[in-house]
Structures are given as structure tokens and as C-alpha cells.
Amino acid sequence: MESAGSRLLRRLVWILIGVIILGIVCYAGLMITAMWNSSDQIRGESSVMIVLGCRIREDRPTNILKDRLDKALEYLEDHEEMTVIVSGGQRKDEPRTEASAMAEYLTEGGVDPDRILVEDRSVNTLENLVNTRQMMLDLGYDIDGNILVVSSGFHLTRVKMIWQRVYGSTDNLSLLSAPTSQLPSAVRGILREPIGLIKSFLFDWPAS
């Protein structure tokens, strides 16, 4: 005959298994949500492109950031009149601002430096979008006109969510999805993004 202690232990094991399964299902759902907007979404012509930053190491862009910049360069070849805003500040473990490294990379790739605007104070996606919006306002750009944002595919759902909060609508947003060429970087980015999505959903709101 099974003792009360054994029955309790068995019940606790089944509860634990249920919690683990529920956690896996929720995480998978968040991952699918994060990848939902991972392809290009171009709405007509844009006069401004925003390239979102990512960490730099040893003074140069990391693989993920290079992929974003290469995608931008590819698009800019056929859109020579576009203004490009590179957005990214300097974290404590970075030798300089992400935006300065990004501007240098685009210039080396053939973009006229006069076309590049540098936003170098942002340290997260919310700040990227808030600060670039303010920069465009200060310089007289039409923020209601179509704006093209370049980032990694796994990041675009979060970009779209925060854009809605900053601009009040996504009607003026086009997205350019940069593929992640290095498999380890892609895996890390995709696995981390559900956590970033939760964090942004809860906390990334522009100041009123």
C-alpha cells in the first residue's frame, strides 16, 4: 500500500512536470511571436533609414551588427538619396559608441558621410526609437512620412511593438530584415529574444 508521503511526492513530481511543460509551451509561443515579423515589410518609398545598433567589440561591429549594416548597404545602392541614421550609444564594455563604428562601416562601404546622421546616446531599442524620432523632429524631417528601420529579423517584432508606443501607429513604418549570417549568433539572438520581448512589453514605454 502506497504511503501518504509517496502519494504527495508523486503529486509534486507531476506538478513539476506540468510546470516545465507549460513553461516550454509559453517560451515556444513567445519565440514564434518574436519571429512573426522577421521578414521585410516595405511600404512604398522612404526618405529616411534608421539602422539600429548592436554591441561592438575591439572597436568594430560584431557579426550581428555587420549583418544589419550589410543589409543597409545593399538597399542603399538603389536608394542613393536616402538619409541614414545610425543609432547606438556606448556601454561600459565598449571602446566607443556603436553609432560611430556603424558610420565608419557604412562610409567604408561607399556611403557618402554627408548622408549619415549619428545618434550616439541610445543603449536600448526604446531609446533608439525615441532619440531618432527627436533627432528627425529637430532637423525638420517628416516623422509622419514613411521611415525604414533596419535590424535583425528576430528583433523586428519588438521594434514594431515599441514603434507603436513611440509614434502612436505603425502606418509610417517599413522594416528591413537583416539575416544573421553566423549560426551561433543567430541561435543566441533567437533564444534571448523571448526574454527581451517580455521585458519590452512590461517596461519599454516612452516617457509621457
N, C-alpha and C. Protein backbone atom coordinates (compact mmCIF):
# COMPACT_ATOMS: atom_id res chain seq x y z
N MET A 1 0.84 -1.19 0.00
CA MET A 1 0.00 0.00 0.00
C MET A 1 0.88 1.25 0.00
N GLU A 2 0.54 2.20 -0.86
CA GLU A 2 1.33 3.42 -1.01
C GLU A 2 1.12 4.34 0.19
N SER A 3 2.21 4.83 0.73
CA SER A 3 2.11 5.72 1.88
C SER A 3 1.68 7.12 1.46
N ALA A 4 1.22 7.92 2.46
CA ALA A 4 0.82 9.29 2.18
C ALA A 4 1.99 10.11 1.65
N GLY A 5 3.19 9.84 2.18
CA GLY A 5 4.37 10.57 1.73
C GLY A 5 4.68 10.29 0.27
N SER A 6 4.52 9.03 -0.16
CA SER A 6 4.78 8.66 -1.55
C SER A 6 3.77 9.31 -2.49
N ARG A 7 2.50 9.33 -2.05
CA ARG A 7 1.47 9.96 -2.88
C ARG A 7 1.75 11.45 -3.05
N LEU A 8 2.17 12.09 -1.95
CA LEU A 8 2.48 13.52 -2.03
C LEU A 8 3.66 13.77 -2.95
N LEU A 9 4.68 12.91 -2.84
CA LEU A 9 5.85 13.06 -3.69
C LEU A 9 5.48 12.89 -5.16
N ARG A 10 4.67 11.88 -5.46
CA ARG A 10 4.25 11.65 -6.84
C ARG A 10 3.45 12.83 -7.38
N ARG A 11 2.59 13.38 -6.53
CA ARG A 11 1.80 14.54 -6.94
C ARG A 11 2.70 15.74 -7.23
N LEU A 12 3.70 15.95 -6.38
CA LEU A 12 4.62 17.06 -6.59
C LEU A 12 5.42 16.89 -7.88
N VAL A 13 5.81 15.65 -8.17
CA VAL A 13 6.55 15.38 -9.41
C VAL A 13 5.70 15.73 -10.63
N TRP A 14 4.42 15.32 -10.60
CA TRP A 14 3.53 15.62 -11.72
C TRP A 14 3.28 17.12 -11.85
N ILE A 15 3.18 17.81 -10.74
CA ILE A 15 3.03 19.27 -10.79
C ILE A 15 4.26 19.91 -11.41
N LEU A 16 5.44 19.43 -10.99
CA LEU A 16 6.68 19.96 -11.54
C LEU A 16 6.76 19.71 -13.05
N ILE A 17 6.40 18.50 -13.47
CA ILE A 17 6.41 18.19 -14.90
C ILE A 17 5.45 19.11 -15.65
N GLY A 18 4.27 19.33 -15.07
CA GLY A 18 3.30 20.22 -15.70
C GLY A 18 3.81 21.63 -15.84
N VAL A 19 4.47 22.13 -14.79
CA VAL A 19 5.03 23.48 -14.83
C VAL A 19 6.10 23.59 -15.90
N ILE A 20 6.95 22.56 -16.01
CA ILE A 20 8.00 22.57 -17.03
C ILE A 20 7.41 22.57 -18.43
N ILE A 21 6.40 21.72 -18.65
CA ILE A 21 5.77 21.67 -19.97
C ILE A 21 5.10 23.00 -20.31
N LEU A 22 4.42 23.58 -19.32
CA LEU A 22 3.78 24.88 -19.54
C LEU A 22 4.81 25.94 -19.88
N GLY A 23 5.94 25.91 -19.16
CA GLY A 23 7.00 26.88 -19.44
C GLY A 23 7.55 26.73 -20.85
N ILE A 24 7.74 25.48 -21.28
CA ILE A 24 8.25 25.22 -22.63
C ILE A 24 7.26 25.73 -23.68
N VAL A 25 5.98 25.45 -23.47
CA VAL A 25 4.95 25.88 -24.41
C VAL A 25 4.90 27.42 -24.49
N CYS A 26 4.95 28.08 -23.34
CA CYS A 26 4.93 29.55 -23.31
C CYS A 26 6.16 30.13 -24.00
N TYR A 27 7.32 29.54 -23.74
CA TYR A 27 8.56 30.03 -24.35
C TYR A 27 8.51 29.85 -25.86
N ALA A 28 8.01 28.68 -26.31
CA ALA A 28 7.89 28.43 -27.75
C ALA A 28 6.93 29.43 -28.39
N GLY A 29 5.83 29.72 -27.68
CA GLY A 29 4.88 30.70 -28.19
C GLY A 29 5.51 32.08 -28.34
N LEU A 30 6.30 32.47 -27.35
CA LEU A 30 6.98 33.76 -27.41
C LEU A 30 8.00 33.79 -28.54
N MET A 31 8.67 32.67 -28.77
CA MET A 31 9.66 32.61 -29.84
C MET A 31 8.98 32.76 -31.21
N ILE A 32 7.82 32.09 -31.36
CA ILE A 32 7.06 32.22 -32.61
C ILE A 32 6.60 33.66 -32.80
N THR A 33 6.15 34.27 -31.71
CA THR A 33 5.72 35.67 -31.77
C THR A 33 6.88 36.58 -32.18
N ALA A 34 8.05 36.34 -31.59
CA ALA A 34 9.21 37.16 -31.90
C ALA A 34 9.60 37.05 -33.37
N MET A 35 9.41 35.88 -33.97
CA MET A 35 9.80 35.66 -35.36
C MET A 35 8.70 36.03 -36.35
N TRP A 36 7.55 36.47 -35.84
CA TRP A 36 6.40 36.70 -36.70
C TRP A 36 6.66 37.80 -37.74
N ASN A 37 7.44 38.81 -37.36
CA ASN A 37 7.73 39.94 -38.26
C ASN A 37 9.16 39.90 -38.78
N SER A 38 9.71 38.71 -38.96
CA SER A 38 11.13 38.59 -39.27
C SER A 38 11.47 38.76 -40.75
N SER A 39 10.50 39.10 -41.58
CA SER A 39 10.77 39.32 -43.00
C SER A 39 10.62 40.80 -43.34
N ASP A 40 11.09 41.18 -44.52
CA ASP A 40 10.97 42.57 -44.97
C ASP A 40 9.50 42.98 -45.04
N GLN A 41 9.23 44.21 -44.63
CA GLN A 41 7.89 44.80 -44.75
C GLN A 41 8.06 46.22 -45.27
N ILE A 42 8.08 46.35 -46.58
CA ILE A 42 8.34 47.63 -47.23
C ILE A 42 7.03 48.24 -47.69
N ARG A 43 6.77 49.47 -47.26
CA ARG A 43 5.57 50.20 -47.65
C ARG A 43 5.97 51.44 -48.45
N GLY A 44 6.06 51.30 -49.73
CA GLY A 44 6.39 52.45 -50.56
C GLY A 44 7.81 52.93 -50.36
N GLU A 45 8.03 54.19 -50.71
CA GLU A 45 9.36 54.78 -50.65
C GLU A 45 9.59 55.51 -49.32
N SER A 46 10.79 55.39 -48.80
CA SER A 46 11.17 56.08 -47.57
C SER A 46 12.32 57.04 -47.88
N SER A 47 12.32 58.18 -47.22
CA SER A 47 13.44 59.13 -47.40
C SER A 47 14.47 58.99 -46.29
N VAL A 48 14.10 58.27 -45.22
CA VAL A 48 15.00 58.09 -44.07
C VAL A 48 15.10 56.62 -43.72
N MET A 49 16.31 56.17 -43.48
CA MET A 49 16.57 54.82 -42.98
C MET A 49 17.21 54.93 -41.60
N ILE A 50 16.72 54.12 -40.67
CA ILE A 50 17.33 54.03 -39.34
C ILE A 50 17.94 52.64 -39.18
N VAL A 51 19.22 52.57 -38.89
CA VAL A 51 19.88 51.29 -38.63
C VAL A 51 20.10 51.19 -37.12
N LEU A 52 19.53 50.16 -36.51
CA LEU A 52 19.62 50.01 -35.07
C LEU A 52 20.93 49.33 -34.68
N GLY A 53 21.53 49.84 -33.61
CA GLY A 53 22.83 49.36 -33.18
C GLY A 53 22.80 48.03 -32.45
N CYS A 54 23.97 47.51 -32.26
CA CYS A 54 24.20 46.28 -31.50
C CYS A 54 25.63 46.38 -30.98
N ARG A 55 25.99 45.53 -30.07
CA ARG A 55 27.29 45.64 -29.41
C ARG A 55 28.45 45.62 -30.41
N ILE A 56 29.51 46.35 -30.06
CA ILE A 56 30.76 46.31 -30.81
C ILE A 56 31.83 45.70 -29.92
N ARG A 57 32.82 45.11 -30.54
CA ARG A 57 33.95 44.54 -29.81
C ARG A 57 35.23 44.95 -30.52
N GLU A 58 36.22 45.30 -29.74
CA GLU A 58 37.53 45.68 -30.29
C GLU A 58 37.39 46.75 -31.37
N ASP A 59 36.50 47.70 -31.11
CA ASP A 59 36.36 48.88 -31.97
C ASP A 59 35.63 48.62 -33.28
N ARG A 60 35.15 47.40 -33.48
CA ARG A 60 34.49 47.08 -34.75
C ARG A 60 33.13 46.44 -34.48
N PRO A 61 32.21 46.51 -35.45
CA PRO A 61 30.90 45.86 -35.28
C PRO A 61 31.03 44.35 -35.12
N THR A 62 30.17 43.79 -34.28
CA THR A 62 30.08 42.33 -34.17
C THR A 62 29.37 41.78 -35.40
N ASN A 63 29.32 40.44 -35.50
CA ASN A 63 28.72 39.81 -36.68
C ASN A 63 27.28 40.25 -36.89
N ILE A 64 26.50 40.30 -35.81
CA ILE A 64 25.10 40.70 -35.94
C ILE A 64 25.00 42.12 -36.47
N LEU A 65 25.82 43.02 -35.96
CA LEU A 65 25.77 44.40 -36.42
C LEU A 65 26.26 44.53 -37.86
N LYS A 66 27.29 43.77 -38.22
CA LYS A 66 27.76 43.76 -39.62
C LYS A 66 26.63 43.33 -40.54
N ASP A 67 25.87 42.31 -40.14
CA ASP A 67 24.76 41.85 -40.98
C ASP A 67 23.74 42.95 -41.19
N ARG A 68 23.44 43.70 -40.15
CA ARG A 68 22.49 44.82 -40.28
C ARG A 68 23.04 45.88 -41.22
N LEU A 69 24.31 46.20 -41.07
CA LEU A 69 24.92 47.23 -41.91
C LEU A 69 25.05 46.77 -43.36
N ASP A 70 25.36 45.51 -43.58
CA ASP A 70 25.44 44.98 -44.94
C ASP A 70 24.08 45.02 -45.63
N LYS A 71 23.02 44.71 -44.86
CA LYS A 71 21.67 44.80 -45.41
C LYS A 71 21.35 46.24 -45.78
N ALA A 72 21.75 47.17 -44.94
CA ALA A 72 21.53 48.59 -45.23
C ALA A 72 22.29 49.01 -46.49
N LEU A 73 23.55 48.59 -46.60
CA LEU A 73 24.35 48.94 -47.77
C LEU A 73 23.72 48.40 -49.05
N GLU A 74 23.23 47.19 -48.98
CA GLU A 74 22.59 46.57 -50.15
C GLU A 74 21.39 47.40 -50.61
N TYR A 75 20.59 47.86 -49.66
CA TYR A 75 19.41 48.65 -50.00
C TYR A 75 19.80 50.05 -50.50
N LEU A 76 20.81 50.62 -49.89
CA LEU A 76 21.21 51.99 -50.23
C LEU A 76 21.82 52.10 -51.62
N GLU A 77 22.30 51.00 -52.17
CA GLU A 77 22.85 51.03 -53.52
C GLU A 77 21.82 51.51 -54.53
N ASP A 78 20.55 51.16 -54.31
CA ASP A 78 19.49 51.55 -55.23
C ASP A 78 18.66 52.72 -54.72
N HIS A 79 19.06 53.30 -53.58
CA HIS A 79 18.32 54.42 -52.99
C HIS A 79 19.33 55.47 -52.54
N GLU A 80 19.94 56.12 -53.49
CA GLU A 80 21.08 56.98 -53.24
C GLU A 80 20.70 58.30 -52.58
N GLU A 81 19.41 58.62 -52.49
CA GLU A 81 19.01 59.89 -51.90
C GLU A 81 18.60 59.76 -50.42
N MET A 82 18.59 58.54 -49.91
CA MET A 82 18.13 58.33 -48.55
C MET A 82 19.11 58.88 -47.52
N THR A 83 18.55 59.47 -46.49
CA THR A 83 19.33 59.81 -45.30
C THR A 83 19.39 58.59 -44.40
N VAL A 84 20.56 58.33 -43.82
CA VAL A 84 20.74 57.17 -42.96
C VAL A 84 21.05 57.65 -41.54
N ILE A 85 20.27 57.18 -40.58
CA ILE A 85 20.55 57.46 -39.17
C ILE A 85 21.08 56.18 -38.53
N VAL A 86 22.29 56.24 -38.01
CA VAL A 86 22.84 55.11 -37.26
C VAL A 86 22.64 55.40 -35.78
N SER A 87 22.08 54.43 -35.06
CA SER A 87 21.67 54.69 -33.68
C SER A 87 22.27 53.67 -32.73
N GLY A 88 23.06 54.16 -31.78
CA GLY A 88 23.65 53.29 -30.77
C GLY A 88 24.67 54.02 -29.93
N GLY A 89 24.52 53.96 -28.63
CA GLY A 89 25.44 54.64 -27.74
C GLY A 89 26.62 53.77 -27.34
N GLN A 90 27.22 54.08 -26.21
CA GLN A 90 28.41 53.38 -25.73
C GLN A 90 28.12 52.78 -24.36
N ARG A 91 28.19 51.46 -24.28
CA ARG A 91 28.07 50.78 -22.99
C ARG A 91 29.43 50.74 -22.31
N LYS A 92 29.42 50.36 -21.04
CA LYS A 92 30.66 50.39 -20.26
C LYS A 92 31.74 49.48 -20.83
N ASP A 93 31.33 48.39 -21.49
CA ASP A 93 32.32 47.44 -22.01
C ASP A 93 32.64 47.68 -23.48
N GLU A 94 32.24 48.83 -24.02
CA GLU A 94 32.51 49.14 -25.43
C GLU A 94 33.54 50.26 -25.53
N PRO A 95 34.47 50.15 -26.48
CA PRO A 95 35.54 51.15 -26.60
C PRO A 95 35.08 52.49 -27.16
N ARG A 96 33.96 52.51 -27.85
CA ARG A 96 33.40 53.75 -28.39
C ARG A 96 31.92 53.52 -28.68
N THR A 97 31.26 54.53 -29.19
CA THR A 97 29.83 54.39 -29.45
C THR A 97 29.60 53.45 -30.63
N GLU A 98 28.50 52.72 -30.54
CA GLU A 98 28.12 51.84 -31.65
C GLU A 98 27.88 52.66 -32.91
N ALA A 99 27.26 53.83 -32.75
CA ALA A 99 26.93 54.65 -33.92
C ALA A 99 28.18 55.10 -34.67
N SER A 100 29.25 55.41 -33.94
CA SER A 100 30.47 55.85 -34.63
C SER A 100 31.07 54.70 -35.44
N ALA A 101 31.05 53.49 -34.88
CA ALA A 101 31.54 52.33 -35.62
C ALA A 101 30.66 52.03 -36.82
N MET A 102 29.35 52.22 -36.66
CA MET A 102 28.41 51.98 -37.75
C MET A 102 28.62 52.99 -38.88
N ALA A 103 28.78 54.25 -38.53
CA ALA A 103 29.00 55.28 -39.54
C ALA A 103 30.29 55.00 -40.32
N GLU A 104 31.32 54.59 -39.60
CA GLU A 104 32.59 54.28 -40.24
C GLU A 104 32.43 53.10 -41.22
N TYR A 105 31.70 52.07 -40.80
CA TYR A 105 31.49 50.89 -41.64
C TYR A 105 30.72 51.27 -42.91
N LEU A 106 29.68 52.08 -42.77
CA LEU A 106 28.90 52.49 -43.95
C LEU A 106 29.73 53.36 -44.89
N THR A 107 30.56 54.22 -44.32
CA THR A 107 31.42 55.07 -45.14
C THR A 107 32.41 54.22 -45.91
N GLU A 108 33.01 53.24 -45.24
CA GLU A 108 33.92 52.33 -45.92
C GLU A 108 33.21 51.52 -47.00
N GLY A 109 31.89 51.33 -46.82
CA GLY A 109 31.10 50.60 -47.81
C GLY A 109 30.63 51.46 -48.96
N GLY A 110 31.00 52.74 -48.96
CA GLY A 110 30.71 53.60 -50.09
C GLY A 110 29.61 54.63 -49.88
N VAL A 111 29.06 54.73 -48.68
CA VAL A 111 28.02 55.72 -48.41
C VAL A 111 28.67 57.07 -48.15
N ASP A 112 28.15 58.10 -48.79
CA ASP A 112 28.64 59.46 -48.58
C ASP A 112 28.41 59.86 -47.11
N PRO A 113 29.47 60.28 -46.41
CA PRO A 113 29.31 60.67 -44.99
C PRO A 113 28.26 61.76 -44.78
N ASP A 114 28.03 62.59 -45.79
CA ASP A 114 27.04 63.66 -45.66
C ASP A 114 25.62 63.12 -45.56
N ARG A 115 25.43 61.87 -45.95
CA ARG A 115 24.10 61.25 -45.86
C ARG A 115 23.85 60.61 -44.51
N ILE A 116 24.86 60.53 -43.66
CA ILE A 116 24.77 59.77 -42.42
C ILE A 116 24.59 60.70 -41.22
N LEU A 117 23.56 60.44 -40.44
CA LEU A 117 23.34 61.14 -39.18
C LEU A 117 23.65 60.17 -38.03
N VAL A 118 24.30 60.67 -37.00
CA VAL A 118 24.77 59.83 -35.90
C VAL A 118 23.97 60.13 -34.64
N GLU A 119 23.26 59.13 -34.14
CA GLU A 119 22.57 59.23 -32.85
C GLU A 119 23.33 58.31 -31.90
N ASP A 120 24.04 58.88 -30.95
CA ASP A 120 25.01 58.11 -30.18
C ASP A 120 24.75 58.11 -28.67
N ARG A 121 23.47 58.21 -28.27
CA ARG A 121 23.15 58.20 -26.85
C ARG A 121 22.31 57.00 -26.42
N SER A 122 21.78 56.26 -27.36
CA SER A 122 20.85 55.17 -27.03
C SER A 122 21.57 53.91 -26.57
N VAL A 123 20.99 53.25 -25.57
CA VAL A 123 21.56 51.98 -25.11
C VAL A 123 20.54 50.85 -25.14
N ASN A 124 19.35 51.10 -25.68
CA ASN A 124 18.37 50.03 -25.86
C ASN A 124 17.42 50.42 -26.99
N THR A 125 16.52 49.51 -27.36
CA THR A 125 15.66 49.74 -28.51
C THR A 125 14.72 50.92 -28.30
N LEU A 126 14.16 51.04 -27.10
CA LEU A 126 13.28 52.17 -26.82
C LEU A 126 14.01 53.48 -27.04
N GLU A 127 15.21 53.61 -26.50
CA GLU A 127 15.97 54.84 -26.67
C GLU A 127 16.34 55.06 -28.14
N ASN A 128 16.66 53.99 -28.87
CA ASN A 128 16.92 54.11 -30.31
C ASN A 128 15.78 54.86 -31.00
N LEU A 129 14.56 54.40 -30.74
CA LEU A 129 13.41 54.95 -31.45
C LEU A 129 13.02 56.32 -30.93
N VAL A 130 13.09 56.53 -29.64
CA VAL A 130 12.76 57.85 -29.07
C VAL A 130 13.78 58.89 -29.53
N ASN A 131 15.06 58.56 -29.45
CA ASN A 131 16.09 59.55 -29.77
C ASN A 131 16.17 59.85 -31.26
N THR A 132 15.98 58.84 -32.12
CA THR A 132 16.00 59.12 -33.56
C THR A 132 14.77 59.93 -33.96
N ARG A 133 13.65 59.69 -33.32
CA ARG A 133 12.45 60.49 -33.60
C ARG A 133 12.70 61.96 -33.26
N GLN A 134 13.30 62.19 -32.09
CA GLN A 134 13.58 63.56 -31.68
C GLN A 134 14.59 64.21 -32.62
N MET A 135 15.58 63.44 -33.05
CA MET A 135 16.58 63.98 -33.98
C MET A 135 15.91 64.41 -35.28
N MET A 136 15.01 63.58 -35.80
CA MET A 136 14.32 63.94 -37.04
C MET A 136 13.46 65.18 -36.86
N LEU A 137 12.78 65.26 -35.72
CA LEU A 137 11.99 66.45 -35.44
C LEU A 137 12.86 67.70 -35.39
N ASP A 138 13.99 67.62 -34.71
CA ASP A 138 14.89 68.76 -34.57
C ASP A 138 15.44 69.23 -35.92
N LEU A 139 15.63 68.27 -36.84
CA LEU A 139 16.23 68.59 -38.14
C LEU A 139 15.18 68.85 -39.22
N GLY A 140 13.91 68.79 -38.84
CA GLY A 140 12.85 69.14 -39.78
C GLY A 140 12.39 68.03 -40.70
N TYR A 141 12.71 66.79 -40.37
CA TYR A 141 12.22 65.66 -41.19
C TYR A 141 10.76 65.37 -40.86
N ASP A 142 10.07 64.83 -41.83
CA ASP A 142 8.65 64.48 -41.68
C ASP A 142 8.55 63.13 -40.97
N ILE A 143 8.21 63.15 -39.69
CA ILE A 143 8.14 61.89 -38.95
C ILE A 143 6.85 61.13 -39.22
N ASP A 144 5.92 61.75 -39.93
CA ASP A 144 4.70 61.05 -40.33
C ASP A 144 4.87 60.35 -41.67
N GLY A 145 5.95 60.71 -42.38
CA GLY A 145 6.25 60.04 -43.63
C GLY A 145 6.83 58.66 -43.39
N ASN A 146 6.93 57.89 -44.44
CA ASN A 146 7.40 56.52 -44.31
C ASN A 146 8.87 56.48 -43.88
N ILE A 147 9.18 55.69 -42.86
CA ILE A 147 10.54 55.55 -42.33
C ILE A 147 10.92 54.07 -42.35
N LEU A 148 12.11 53.79 -42.82
CA LEU A 148 12.58 52.41 -42.94
C LEU A 148 13.55 52.09 -41.80
N VAL A 149 13.26 51.02 -41.06
CA VAL A 149 14.11 50.60 -39.96
C VAL A 149 14.79 49.28 -40.31
N VAL A 150 16.09 49.22 -40.09
CA VAL A 150 16.87 48.01 -40.37
C VAL A 150 17.31 47.39 -39.05
N SER A 151 17.01 46.11 -38.88
CA SER A 151 17.50 45.37 -37.72
C SER A 151 17.49 43.88 -38.04
N SER A 152 17.95 43.09 -37.11
CA SER A 152 17.94 41.63 -37.28
C SER A 152 16.50 41.14 -37.32
N GLY A 153 16.25 40.09 -38.11
CA GLY A 153 14.90 39.60 -38.25
C GLY A 153 14.23 39.24 -36.94
N PHE A 154 14.98 38.60 -36.03
CA PHE A 154 14.39 38.18 -34.75
C PHE A 154 14.04 39.36 -33.85
N HIS A 155 14.54 40.55 -34.18
CA HIS A 155 14.34 41.75 -33.36
C HIS A 155 13.15 42.58 -33.80
N LEU A 156 12.61 42.33 -34.99
CA LEU A 156 11.66 43.25 -35.61
C LEU A 156 10.30 43.27 -34.94
N THR A 157 9.85 42.17 -34.36
CA THR A 157 8.57 42.21 -33.65
C THR A 157 8.64 43.19 -32.48
N ARG A 158 9.74 43.16 -31.76
CA ARG A 158 9.92 44.10 -30.63
C ARG A 158 10.02 45.53 -31.14
N VAL A 159 10.73 45.72 -32.24
CA VAL A 159 10.81 47.06 -32.84
C VAL A 159 9.42 47.58 -33.17
N LYS A 160 8.62 46.72 -33.79
CA LYS A 160 7.28 47.15 -34.21
C LYS A 160 6.41 47.49 -33.00
N MET A 161 6.51 46.71 -31.92
CA MET A 161 5.73 46.97 -30.72
C MET A 161 6.12 48.32 -30.09
N ILE A 162 7.42 48.57 -29.98
CA ILE A 162 7.86 49.82 -29.36
C ILE A 162 7.58 51.01 -30.28
N TRP A 163 7.70 50.80 -31.58
CA TRP A 163 7.38 51.87 -32.52
C TRP A 163 5.94 52.34 -32.34
N GLN A 164 5.04 51.39 -32.17
CA GLN A 164 3.63 51.73 -31.95
C GLN A 164 3.47 52.64 -30.73
N ARG A 165 4.24 52.38 -29.69
CA ARG A 165 4.16 53.17 -28.47
C ARG A 165 4.79 54.55 -28.65
N VAL A 166 5.85 54.64 -29.41
CA VAL A 166 6.57 55.91 -29.58
C VAL A 166 5.84 56.83 -30.57
N TYR A 167 5.36 56.26 -31.67
CA TYR A 167 4.75 57.06 -32.74
C TYR A 167 3.22 57.04 -32.69
N GLY A 168 2.64 56.12 -31.94
CA GLY A 168 1.18 56.03 -31.88
C GLY A 168 0.58 55.22 -33.00
N SER A 169 1.39 54.75 -33.94
CA SER A 169 0.91 53.98 -35.08
C SER A 169 2.12 53.35 -35.77
N THR A 170 1.90 52.28 -36.51
CA THR A 170 2.95 51.70 -37.34
C THR A 170 2.70 51.97 -38.82
N ASP A 171 1.77 52.88 -39.12
CA ASP A 171 1.43 53.16 -40.52
C ASP A 171 2.60 53.77 -41.28
N ASN A 172 3.52 54.43 -40.57
CA ASN A 172 4.67 55.07 -41.22
C ASN A 172 5.94 54.22 -41.13
N LEU A 173 5.80 52.96 -40.75
CA LEU A 173 6.97 52.10 -40.51
C LEU A 173 7.14 51.06 -41.60
N SER A 174 8.34 51.01 -42.17
CA SER A 174 8.76 49.90 -43.02
C SER A 174 9.92 49.19 -42.33
N LEU A 175 10.02 47.90 -42.56
CA LEU A 175 11.04 47.09 -41.89
C LEU A 175 11.92 46.39 -42.91
N LEU A 176 13.20 46.39 -42.66
CA LEU A 176 14.17 45.67 -43.48
C LEU A 176 14.85 44.66 -42.59
N SER A 177 14.67 43.40 -42.91
CA SER A 177 15.13 42.30 -42.05
C SER A 177 16.53 41.86 -42.46
N ALA A 178 17.47 42.01 -41.53
CA ALA A 178 18.84 41.58 -41.79
C ALA A 178 19.01 40.12 -41.36
N PRO A 179 19.39 39.23 -42.26
CA PRO A 179 19.65 37.85 -41.86
C PRO A 179 20.89 37.78 -40.99
N THR A 180 20.90 36.85 -40.06
CA THR A 180 22.07 36.66 -39.19
C THR A 180 22.91 35.56 -39.79
N SER A 181 24.08 35.92 -40.31
CA SER A 181 24.87 35.01 -41.13
C SER A 181 25.61 33.95 -40.32
N GLN A 182 25.95 34.25 -39.07
CA GLN A 182 26.70 33.32 -38.24
C GLN A 182 25.74 32.52 -37.38
N LEU A 183 25.76 31.19 -37.50
CA LEU A 183 24.80 30.35 -36.80
C LEU A 183 24.84 30.54 -35.28
N PRO A 184 25.99 30.58 -34.62
CA PRO A 184 25.97 30.79 -33.16
C PRO A 184 25.31 32.11 -32.78
N SER A 185 25.57 33.16 -33.55
CA SER A 185 24.95 34.46 -33.26
C SER A 185 23.45 34.39 -33.46
N ALA A 186 23.02 33.69 -34.51
CA ALA A 186 21.59 33.56 -34.77
C ALA A 186 20.89 32.80 -33.65
N VAL A 187 21.50 31.72 -33.20
CA VAL A 187 20.90 30.91 -32.13
C VAL A 187 20.80 31.72 -30.84
N ARG A 188 21.88 32.42 -30.49
CA ARG A 188 21.86 33.23 -29.27
C ARG A 188 20.79 34.31 -29.36
N GLY A 189 20.73 34.97 -30.50
CA GLY A 189 19.76 36.04 -30.66
C GLY A 189 18.33 35.56 -30.57
N ILE A 190 18.03 34.45 -31.23
CA ILE A 190 16.67 33.91 -31.23
C ILE A 190 16.29 33.41 -29.84
N LEU A 191 17.23 32.76 -29.14
CA LEU A 191 16.92 32.22 -27.81
C LEU A 191 16.73 33.34 -26.78
N ARG A 192 17.44 34.45 -26.95
CA ARG A 192 17.32 35.55 -25.99
C ARG A 192 16.11 36.43 -26.26
N GLU A 193 15.63 36.46 -27.49
CA GLU A 193 14.63 37.44 -27.85
C GLU A 193 13.31 37.29 -27.09
N PRO A 194 12.82 36.07 -26.78
CA PRO A 194 11.59 35.99 -25.98
C PRO A 194 11.69 36.73 -24.65
N ILE A 195 12.86 36.67 -24.01
CA ILE A 195 13.04 37.40 -22.75
C ILE A 195 13.02 38.90 -23.02
N GLY A 196 13.68 39.32 -24.10
CA GLY A 196 13.66 40.73 -24.45
C GLY A 196 12.25 41.21 -24.78
N LEU A 197 11.47 40.35 -25.40
CA LEU A 197 10.09 40.71 -25.75
C LEU A 197 9.25 40.92 -24.49
N ILE A 198 9.42 40.05 -23.51
CA ILE A 198 8.70 40.20 -22.24
C ILE A 198 9.12 41.49 -21.55
N LYS A 199 10.43 41.71 -21.48
CA LYS A 199 10.95 42.93 -20.83
C LYS A 199 10.41 44.18 -21.50
N SER A 200 10.42 44.21 -22.83
CA SER A 200 9.93 45.39 -23.54
C SER A 200 8.43 45.56 -23.37
N PHE A 201 7.70 44.47 -23.38
CA PHE A 201 6.24 44.53 -23.20
C PHE A 201 5.89 45.17 -21.86
N LEU A 202 6.65 44.83 -20.84
CA LEU A 202 6.36 45.32 -19.50
C LEU A 202 6.91 46.71 -19.21
N PHE A 203 8.11 47.00 -19.71
CA PHE A 203 8.83 48.17 -19.23
C PHE A 203 9.15 49.23 -20.28
N ASP A 204 9.16 48.89 -21.56
CA ASP A 204 9.62 49.84 -22.57
C ASP A 204 8.47 50.73 -23.05
N TRP A 205 8.24 51.78 -22.28
CA TRP A 205 7.22 52.79 -22.60
C TRP A 205 7.89 54.14 -22.63
N PRO A 206 7.64 54.94 -23.67
CA PRO A 206 8.24 56.28 -23.70
C PRO A 206 7.71 57.16 -22.58
N ALA A 207 8.53 58.06 -22.10
CA ALA A 207 8.11 58.98 -21.06
C ALA A 207 7.00 59.87 -21.59
N SER A 208 6.01 60.11 -20.76
CA SER A 208 4.87 60.93 -21.20
C SER A 208 5.22 62.41 -21.15
